[in-house]
């Protein structure tokens, strides 16, 4: 079995979180659209095609339902990954733990991470490299132990 690329695995967490946030924005938009639909006006004027208010609401509700189902799958995958990776990250030094948590689990920018840690950005990059190397060693050692059991 090949070594696990720790950075790629941590980036999956960031990507899933971004995907969930995007889905939530889509749902918020559709909810606003749904509540913005006006009641039909009863008059003698000819009706346009596609103007049936109930069809429009049904379409929006179907879209919301599909997005919610996808979001549930993403949340489930995120929970599994976080459960695995938080155990590994907990084995790092305190500064390395904080950096990995801020960068990958809280999706913070490098500048924000540096500010929160009260370090220069260059030092944060070096610390990040060391944290990834240590985390890779921890993960691969754990994987080797599991294979040997």
N, C-alpha and C. Protein backbone atom coordinates (compact mmCIF):
# COMPACT_ATOMS: atom_id res chain seq x y z
N UNK A 1 0.84 -1.19 0.00
CA UNK A 1 0.00 0.00 0.00
C UNK A 1 0.89 1.25 0.00
N UNK A 2 0.56 2.24 -0.81
CA UNK A 2 1.36 3.45 -0.89
C UNK A 2 1.06 4.37 0.27
N UNK A 3 1.98 5.33 0.46
CA UNK A 3 1.80 6.28 1.55
C UNK A 3 0.62 7.20 1.26
N UNK A 4 -0.04 7.60 2.32
CA UNK A 4 -1.19 8.50 2.21
C UNK A 4 -0.67 9.93 2.05
N UNK A 5 -1.23 10.66 1.08
CA UNK A 5 -0.87 12.07 0.91
C UNK A 5 -1.75 12.88 1.87
N UNK A 6 -1.15 13.28 2.97
CA UNK A 6 -1.87 13.95 4.05
C UNK A 6 -2.50 15.25 3.57
N UNK A 7 -1.75 16.04 2.83
CA UNK A 7 -2.28 17.34 2.38
C UNK A 7 -3.52 17.15 1.50
N UNK A 8 -3.46 16.17 0.59
CA UNK A 8 -4.63 15.92 -0.27
C UNK A 8 -5.84 15.50 0.56
N UNK A 9 -5.62 14.69 1.57
CA UNK A 9 -6.73 14.24 2.43
C UNK A 9 -7.31 15.42 3.22
N UNK A 10 -6.44 16.29 3.72
CA UNK A 10 -6.92 17.46 4.46
C UNK A 10 -7.64 18.43 3.52
N UNK A 11 -7.15 18.53 2.29
CA UNK A 11 -7.81 19.42 1.32
C UNK A 11 -9.21 18.90 0.97
N UNK A 12 -9.42 17.59 1.04
CA UNK A 12 -10.76 17.04 0.82
C UNK A 12 -11.74 17.61 1.85
N UNK A 13 -11.27 17.73 3.09
CA UNK A 13 -12.12 18.29 4.15
C UNK A 13 -12.51 19.72 3.81
N UNK A 14 -11.52 20.52 3.41
CA UNK A 14 -11.80 21.92 3.02
C UNK A 14 -12.79 21.96 1.86
N UNK A 15 -12.59 21.09 0.87
CA UNK A 15 -13.46 21.09 -0.31
C UNK A 15 -14.89 20.69 0.05
N UNK A 16 -15.03 19.71 0.90
CA UNK A 16 -16.38 19.28 1.31
C UNK A 16 -17.06 20.39 2.09
N UNK A 17 -16.32 21.05 2.98
CA UNK A 17 -16.91 22.17 3.74
C UNK A 17 -17.35 23.29 2.81
N UNK A 18 -16.53 23.61 1.80
CA UNK A 18 -16.89 24.65 0.83
C UNK A 18 -18.13 24.23 0.04
N UNK A 19 -18.20 22.95 -0.31
CA UNK A 19 -19.36 22.43 -1.05
C UNK A 19 -20.63 22.53 -0.21
N UNK A 20 -20.52 22.21 1.06
CA UNK A 20 -21.69 22.30 1.96
C UNK A 20 -22.15 23.75 2.09
N UNK A 21 -21.19 24.67 2.24
CA UNK A 21 -21.55 26.09 2.34
C UNK A 21 -22.21 26.58 1.05
N UNK A 22 -21.73 26.10 -0.09
CA UNK A 22 -22.32 26.48 -1.38
C UNK A 22 -23.76 25.95 -1.48
N UNK A 23 -23.96 24.72 -1.07
CA UNK A 23 -25.31 24.13 -1.09
C UNK A 23 -26.25 24.90 -0.16
N UNK A 24 -25.73 25.33 0.98
CA UNK A 24 -26.56 26.09 1.92
C UNK A 24 -26.96 27.43 1.31
N UNK A 25 -26.03 28.08 0.60
CA UNK A 25 -26.36 29.34 -0.08
C UNK A 25 -27.43 29.12 -1.15
N UNK A 26 -27.32 27.99 -1.88
CA UNK A 26 -28.33 27.67 -2.89
C UNK A 26 -29.70 27.49 -2.26
N UNK A 27 -29.73 26.79 -1.14
CA UNK A 27 -31.00 26.57 -0.43
C UNK A 27 -31.57 27.90 0.06
N UNK A 28 -30.72 28.75 0.61
CA UNK A 28 -31.17 30.06 1.09
C UNK A 28 -31.76 30.88 -0.07
N UNK A 29 -31.09 30.83 -1.22
CA UNK A 29 -31.58 31.55 -2.39
C UNK A 29 -32.94 31.02 -2.83
N UNK A 30 -33.06 29.69 -2.90
CA UNK A 30 -34.33 29.09 -3.33
C UNK A 30 -35.44 29.36 -2.31
N UNK A 31 -35.11 29.35 -1.02
CA UNK A 31 -36.11 29.69 0.00
C UNK A 31 -36.61 31.11 -0.19
N UNK A 32 -35.68 32.04 -0.46
CA UNK A 32 -36.08 33.43 -0.69
C UNK A 32 -36.94 33.54 -1.95
N UNK A 33 -36.56 32.79 -2.97
CA UNK A 33 -37.32 32.80 -4.23
C UNK A 33 -38.72 32.23 -3.99
N UNK A 34 -38.77 31.17 -3.21
CA UNK A 34 -40.05 30.51 -2.92
C UNK A 34 -40.99 31.46 -2.18
N UNK A 35 -40.46 32.14 -1.19
CA UNK A 35 -41.32 33.04 -0.40
C UNK A 35 -41.63 34.33 -1.15
N UNK A 36 -40.87 34.60 -2.22
CA UNK A 36 -41.10 35.81 -3.00
C UNK A 36 -42.17 35.63 -4.07
N UNK A 37 -42.65 34.40 -4.26
CA UNK A 37 -43.68 34.15 -5.27
C UNK A 37 -45.00 34.73 -4.77
N UNK A 38 -45.59 35.53 -5.59
CA UNK A 38 -46.84 36.21 -5.23
C UNK A 38 -48.05 35.31 -5.54
N UNK A 39 -49.08 35.53 -4.80
CA UNK A 39 -50.33 34.81 -5.05
C UNK A 39 -50.87 35.21 -6.42
N UNK A 40 -51.51 34.27 -7.08
CA UNK A 40 -52.04 34.60 -8.42
C UNK A 40 -53.18 35.62 -8.31
N UNK A 41 -53.23 36.47 -9.32
CA UNK A 41 -54.31 37.45 -9.40
C UNK A 41 -55.40 36.85 -10.28
N UNK A 42 -56.60 36.88 -9.78
CA UNK A 42 -57.73 36.32 -10.52
C UNK A 42 -58.30 37.44 -11.39
N UNK A 43 -58.22 37.25 -12.69
CA UNK A 43 -58.83 38.20 -13.62
C UNK A 43 -59.13 37.49 -14.93
N UNK A 44 -59.63 38.22 -15.89
CA UNK A 44 -60.04 37.64 -17.17
C UNK A 44 -58.93 37.64 -18.22
N UNK A 45 -57.75 38.09 -17.86
CA UNK A 45 -56.65 38.18 -18.82
C UNK A 45 -56.14 36.77 -19.17
N UNK A 46 -55.65 36.61 -20.40
CA UNK A 46 -55.10 35.30 -20.78
C UNK A 46 -53.85 35.00 -19.95
N UNK A 47 -53.65 33.75 -19.67
CA UNK A 47 -52.53 33.31 -18.83
C UNK A 47 -51.35 32.89 -19.72
N UNK A 48 -50.16 33.19 -19.26
CA UNK A 48 -48.97 32.78 -20.01
C UNK A 48 -48.59 31.36 -19.59
N UNK A 49 -47.87 30.67 -20.49
CA UNK A 49 -47.40 29.33 -20.16
C UNK A 49 -46.29 29.45 -19.12
N UNK A 50 -46.23 28.53 -18.20
CA UNK A 50 -45.18 28.55 -17.17
C UNK A 50 -45.49 29.52 -16.03
N UNK A 51 -46.68 30.07 -16.03
CA UNK A 51 -47.03 31.03 -14.99
C UNK A 51 -47.81 30.38 -13.85
N UNK A 52 -47.98 29.09 -13.89
CA UNK A 52 -48.71 28.39 -12.83
C UNK A 52 -47.88 28.45 -11.55
N UNK A 53 -48.39 29.17 -10.58
CA UNK A 53 -47.66 29.39 -9.33
C UNK A 53 -47.37 28.09 -8.59
N UNK A 54 -48.27 27.14 -8.65
CA UNK A 54 -48.08 25.89 -7.92
C UNK A 54 -46.99 25.03 -8.54
N UNK A 55 -46.90 25.07 -9.90
CA UNK A 55 -45.81 24.35 -10.57
C UNK A 55 -44.46 24.96 -10.19
N UNK A 56 -44.41 26.29 -10.15
CA UNK A 56 -43.15 26.96 -9.79
C UNK A 56 -42.71 26.62 -8.37
N UNK A 57 -43.64 26.62 -7.45
CA UNK A 57 -43.32 26.29 -6.06
C UNK A 57 -42.87 24.82 -5.96
N UNK A 58 -43.57 23.94 -6.67
CA UNK A 58 -43.19 22.52 -6.67
C UNK A 58 -41.77 22.33 -7.20
N UNK A 59 -41.43 23.04 -8.28
CA UNK A 59 -40.09 22.94 -8.86
C UNK A 59 -39.04 23.40 -7.84
N UNK A 60 -39.32 24.50 -7.18
CA UNK A 60 -38.38 25.02 -6.19
C UNK A 60 -38.24 24.05 -5.02
N UNK A 61 -39.35 23.51 -4.56
CA UNK A 61 -39.29 22.55 -3.45
C UNK A 61 -38.52 21.29 -3.84
N UNK A 62 -38.70 20.83 -5.09
CA UNK A 62 -37.94 19.68 -5.58
C UNK A 62 -36.45 19.99 -5.61
N UNK A 63 -36.09 21.19 -6.07
CA UNK A 63 -34.68 21.59 -6.09
C UNK A 63 -34.10 21.61 -4.67
N UNK A 64 -34.84 22.19 -3.76
CA UNK A 64 -34.39 22.25 -2.36
C UNK A 64 -34.19 20.85 -1.81
N UNK A 65 -35.14 19.96 -2.10
CA UNK A 65 -35.04 18.58 -1.62
C UNK A 65 -33.80 17.87 -2.18
N UNK A 66 -33.53 18.04 -3.48
CA UNK A 66 -32.35 17.43 -4.09
C UNK A 66 -31.07 17.96 -3.47
N UNK A 67 -31.02 19.25 -3.27
CA UNK A 67 -29.82 19.86 -2.67
C UNK A 67 -29.64 19.38 -1.24
N UNK A 68 -30.74 19.29 -0.49
CA UNK A 68 -30.66 18.80 0.89
C UNK A 68 -30.12 17.37 0.96
N UNK A 69 -30.56 16.51 0.03
CA UNK A 69 -30.08 15.13 0.00
C UNK A 69 -28.58 15.09 -0.28
N UNK A 70 -28.13 15.90 -1.25
CA UNK A 70 -26.70 15.96 -1.55
C UNK A 70 -25.92 16.50 -0.36
N UNK A 71 -26.49 17.49 0.31
CA UNK A 71 -25.82 18.08 1.47
C UNK A 71 -25.71 17.07 2.60
N UNK A 72 -26.72 16.25 2.80
CA UNK A 72 -26.66 15.21 3.83
C UNK A 72 -25.55 14.21 3.55
N UNK A 73 -25.38 13.83 2.28
CA UNK A 73 -24.29 12.93 1.91
C UNK A 73 -22.93 13.58 2.20
N UNK A 74 -22.82 14.85 1.83
CA UNK A 74 -21.57 15.58 2.07
C UNK A 74 -21.28 15.70 3.56
N UNK A 75 -22.31 15.98 4.35
CA UNK A 75 -22.14 16.09 5.80
C UNK A 75 -21.70 14.76 6.41
N UNK A 76 -22.27 13.68 5.92
CA UNK A 76 -21.90 12.36 6.41
C UNK A 76 -20.44 12.07 6.10
N UNK A 77 -20.03 12.36 4.88
CA UNK A 77 -18.62 12.15 4.49
C UNK A 77 -17.69 13.04 5.32
N UNK A 78 -18.11 14.30 5.53
CA UNK A 78 -17.30 15.22 6.33
C UNK A 78 -17.13 14.71 7.75
N UNK A 79 -18.20 14.23 8.35
CA UNK A 79 -18.12 13.69 9.72
C UNK A 79 -17.16 12.52 9.82
N UNK A 80 -17.20 11.63 8.82
CA UNK A 80 -16.29 10.48 8.82
C UNK A 80 -14.84 10.95 8.73
N UNK A 81 -14.57 11.87 7.80
CA UNK A 81 -13.20 12.36 7.64
C UNK A 81 -12.72 13.10 8.88
N UNK A 82 -13.57 13.94 9.45
CA UNK A 82 -13.17 14.68 10.66
C UNK A 82 -12.91 13.73 11.82
N UNK A 83 -13.70 12.70 11.94
CA UNK A 83 -13.51 11.72 13.01
C UNK A 83 -12.14 11.07 12.89
N UNK A 84 -11.77 10.69 11.68
CA UNK A 84 -10.47 10.05 11.43
C UNK A 84 -9.33 11.04 11.67
N UNK A 85 -9.43 12.20 11.02
CA UNK A 85 -8.30 13.12 11.02
C UNK A 85 -8.11 13.87 12.32
N UNK A 86 -9.16 14.11 13.09
CA UNK A 86 -8.95 14.77 14.39
C UNK A 86 -8.16 13.87 15.32
N UNK A 87 -8.34 12.57 15.22
CA UNK A 87 -7.55 11.65 16.04
C UNK A 87 -6.07 11.75 15.70
N UNK A 88 -5.75 11.82 14.42
CA UNK A 88 -4.36 11.96 14.01
C UNK A 88 -3.79 13.32 14.42
N UNK A 89 -4.55 14.37 14.18
CA UNK A 89 -4.08 15.73 14.49
C UNK A 89 -3.83 15.89 15.98
N UNK A 90 -4.62 15.23 16.80
CA UNK A 90 -4.44 15.32 18.25
C UNK A 90 -3.08 14.79 18.71
N UNK A 91 -2.39 14.04 17.85
CA UNK A 91 -1.07 13.51 18.20
C UNK A 91 0.06 14.49 17.90
N UNK A 92 -0.26 15.62 17.26
CA UNK A 92 0.75 16.63 16.93
C UNK A 92 1.01 17.55 18.13
N UNK A 93 2.08 18.36 18.02
CA UNK A 93 2.35 19.40 19.01
C UNK A 93 1.21 20.41 18.99
N UNK A 94 1.09 21.16 20.05
CA UNK A 94 -0.02 22.10 20.20
C UNK A 94 -0.09 23.13 19.06
N UNK A 95 1.06 23.75 18.71
CA UNK A 95 1.06 24.73 17.62
C UNK A 95 0.67 24.10 16.29
N UNK A 96 1.17 22.90 16.04
CA UNK A 96 0.84 22.20 14.80
C UNK A 96 -0.64 21.83 14.75
N UNK A 97 -1.17 21.39 15.89
CA UNK A 97 -2.61 21.07 15.96
C UNK A 97 -3.45 22.29 15.62
N UNK A 98 -3.10 23.41 16.24
CA UNK A 98 -3.86 24.64 16.03
C UNK A 98 -3.79 25.08 14.57
N UNK A 99 -2.61 24.99 13.99
CA UNK A 99 -2.45 25.39 12.60
C UNK A 99 -3.30 24.51 11.68
N UNK A 100 -3.23 23.20 11.85
CA UNK A 100 -4.01 22.28 11.01
C UNK A 100 -5.51 22.52 11.22
N UNK A 101 -5.92 22.71 12.46
CA UNK A 101 -7.34 22.97 12.74
C UNK A 101 -7.81 24.25 12.06
N UNK A 102 -7.03 25.32 12.20
CA UNK A 102 -7.43 26.59 11.61
C UNK A 102 -7.45 26.52 10.08
N UNK A 103 -6.42 25.95 9.51
CA UNK A 103 -6.28 25.94 8.05
C UNK A 103 -7.24 24.98 7.37
N UNK A 104 -7.35 23.78 7.88
CA UNK A 104 -8.12 22.75 7.16
C UNK A 104 -9.51 22.51 7.73
N UNK A 105 -9.66 22.55 9.04
CA UNK A 105 -10.97 22.25 9.63
C UNK A 105 -11.84 23.49 9.72
N UNK A 106 -11.22 24.68 9.86
CA UNK A 106 -11.99 25.92 9.90
C UNK A 106 -11.87 26.73 8.62
N UNK A 107 -11.09 26.22 7.65
CA UNK A 107 -10.96 26.82 6.31
C UNK A 107 -10.50 28.28 6.34
N UNK A 108 -9.56 28.57 7.20
CA UNK A 108 -9.04 29.94 7.30
C UNK A 108 -7.95 30.19 6.26
N UNK A 109 -7.76 31.45 5.91
CA UNK A 109 -6.70 31.83 4.98
C UNK A 109 -5.36 31.81 5.71
N UNK A 110 -4.26 31.79 4.93
CA UNK A 110 -2.93 31.79 5.54
C UNK A 110 -2.73 33.03 6.39
N UNK A 111 -3.18 34.16 5.91
CA UNK A 111 -3.01 35.42 6.64
C UNK A 111 -3.74 35.36 7.99
N UNK A 112 -4.95 34.83 7.99
CA UNK A 112 -5.72 34.72 9.22
C UNK A 112 -5.08 33.74 10.19
N UNK A 113 -4.58 32.63 9.65
CA UNK A 113 -3.90 31.64 10.50
C UNK A 113 -2.69 32.28 11.16
N UNK A 114 -1.89 33.01 10.37
CA UNK A 114 -0.70 33.68 10.91
C UNK A 114 -1.09 34.68 12.00
N UNK A 115 -2.14 35.43 11.73
CA UNK A 115 -2.60 36.43 12.71
C UNK A 115 -3.07 35.75 14.00
N UNK A 116 -3.84 34.68 13.86
CA UNK A 116 -4.35 33.97 15.04
C UNK A 116 -3.24 33.33 15.86
N UNK A 117 -2.21 32.84 15.17
CA UNK A 117 -1.09 32.21 15.87
C UNK A 117 -0.05 33.22 16.34
N UNK A 118 -0.23 34.48 15.88
CA UNK A 118 0.71 35.56 16.20
C UNK A 118 2.11 35.26 15.69
N UNK A 119 2.16 34.72 14.46
CA UNK A 119 3.40 34.43 13.78
C UNK A 119 3.44 35.15 12.45
N UNK A 120 4.64 35.30 11.91
CA UNK A 120 4.84 35.79 10.56
C UNK A 120 4.33 34.71 9.58
N UNK A 121 3.82 35.14 8.42
CA UNK A 121 3.29 34.16 7.46
C UNK A 121 4.35 33.15 7.03
N UNK A 122 5.59 33.60 6.83
CA UNK A 122 6.65 32.67 6.42
C UNK A 122 6.87 31.60 7.48
N UNK A 123 6.81 32.01 8.75
CA UNK A 123 6.98 31.03 9.82
C UNK A 123 5.81 30.03 9.82
N UNK A 124 4.63 30.51 9.52
CA UNK A 124 3.46 29.64 9.46
C UNK A 124 3.62 28.61 8.34
N UNK A 125 4.17 29.04 7.20
CA UNK A 125 4.42 28.09 6.10
C UNK A 125 5.41 27.01 6.53
N UNK A 126 6.47 27.41 7.23
CA UNK A 126 7.45 26.43 7.70
C UNK A 126 6.81 25.48 8.72
N UNK A 127 6.04 26.06 9.64
CA UNK A 127 5.36 25.25 10.64
C UNK A 127 4.38 24.28 9.97
N UNK A 128 3.72 24.76 8.92
CA UNK A 128 2.78 23.94 8.17
C UNK A 128 3.50 22.76 7.53
N UNK A 129 4.64 23.02 6.91
CA UNK A 129 5.41 21.95 6.30
C UNK A 129 5.84 20.91 7.32
N UNK A 130 6.28 21.38 8.48
CA UNK A 130 6.69 20.47 9.55
C UNK A 130 5.48 19.69 10.07
N UNK A 131 4.35 20.37 10.22
CA UNK A 131 3.14 19.70 10.70
C UNK A 131 2.69 18.62 9.73
N UNK A 132 2.73 18.92 8.43
CA UNK A 132 2.34 17.91 7.43
C UNK A 132 3.29 16.72 7.45
N UNK A 133 4.59 16.99 7.59
CA UNK A 133 5.57 15.90 7.65
C UNK A 133 5.32 15.03 8.88
N UNK A 134 5.11 15.67 10.03
CA UNK A 134 4.84 14.91 11.26
C UNK A 134 3.53 14.14 11.16
N UNK A 135 2.52 14.77 10.59
CA UNK A 135 1.23 14.13 10.45
C UNK A 135 1.32 12.94 9.49
N UNK A 136 2.07 13.11 8.43
CA UNK A 136 2.27 12.02 7.48
C UNK A 136 2.95 10.83 8.15
N UNK A 137 3.95 11.13 8.97
CA UNK A 137 4.65 10.06 9.70
C UNK A 137 3.69 9.35 10.66
N UNK A 138 2.88 10.11 11.37
CA UNK A 138 1.92 9.54 12.32
C UNK A 138 0.92 8.64 11.58
N UNK A 139 0.35 9.16 10.49
CA UNK A 139 -0.66 8.42 9.73
C UNK A 139 -0.07 7.13 9.16
N UNK A 140 1.09 7.24 8.54
CA UNK A 140 1.70 6.05 7.93
C UNK A 140 2.13 5.04 8.98
N UNK A 141 2.61 5.50 10.13
CA UNK A 141 2.95 4.56 11.21
C UNK A 141 1.69 3.84 11.71
N UNK A 142 0.61 4.59 11.86
CA UNK A 142 -0.65 3.98 12.31
C UNK A 142 -1.16 2.96 11.28
N UNK A 143 -1.04 3.30 10.00
CA UNK A 143 -1.48 2.40 8.93
C UNK A 143 -0.61 1.12 8.94
N UNK A 144 0.69 1.28 9.15
CA UNK A 144 1.58 0.11 9.21
C UNK A 144 1.24 -0.80 10.39
N UNK A 145 0.91 -0.19 11.52
CA UNK A 145 0.52 -0.97 12.71
C UNK A 145 -0.76 -1.73 12.42
N UNK A 146 -1.73 -1.08 11.78
CA UNK A 146 -3.00 -1.74 11.46
C UNK A 146 -2.78 -2.92 10.54
N UNK A 147 -1.87 -2.78 9.54
CA UNK A 147 -1.60 -3.87 8.61
C UNK A 147 -0.90 -5.03 9.29
N UNK A 148 -0.12 -4.73 10.31
CA UNK A 148 0.64 -5.78 11.00
C UNK A 148 -0.21 -6.55 12.00
N UNK A 149 -1.34 -6.03 12.37
CA UNK A 149 -2.17 -6.70 13.39
C UNK A 149 -3.03 -7.78 12.78
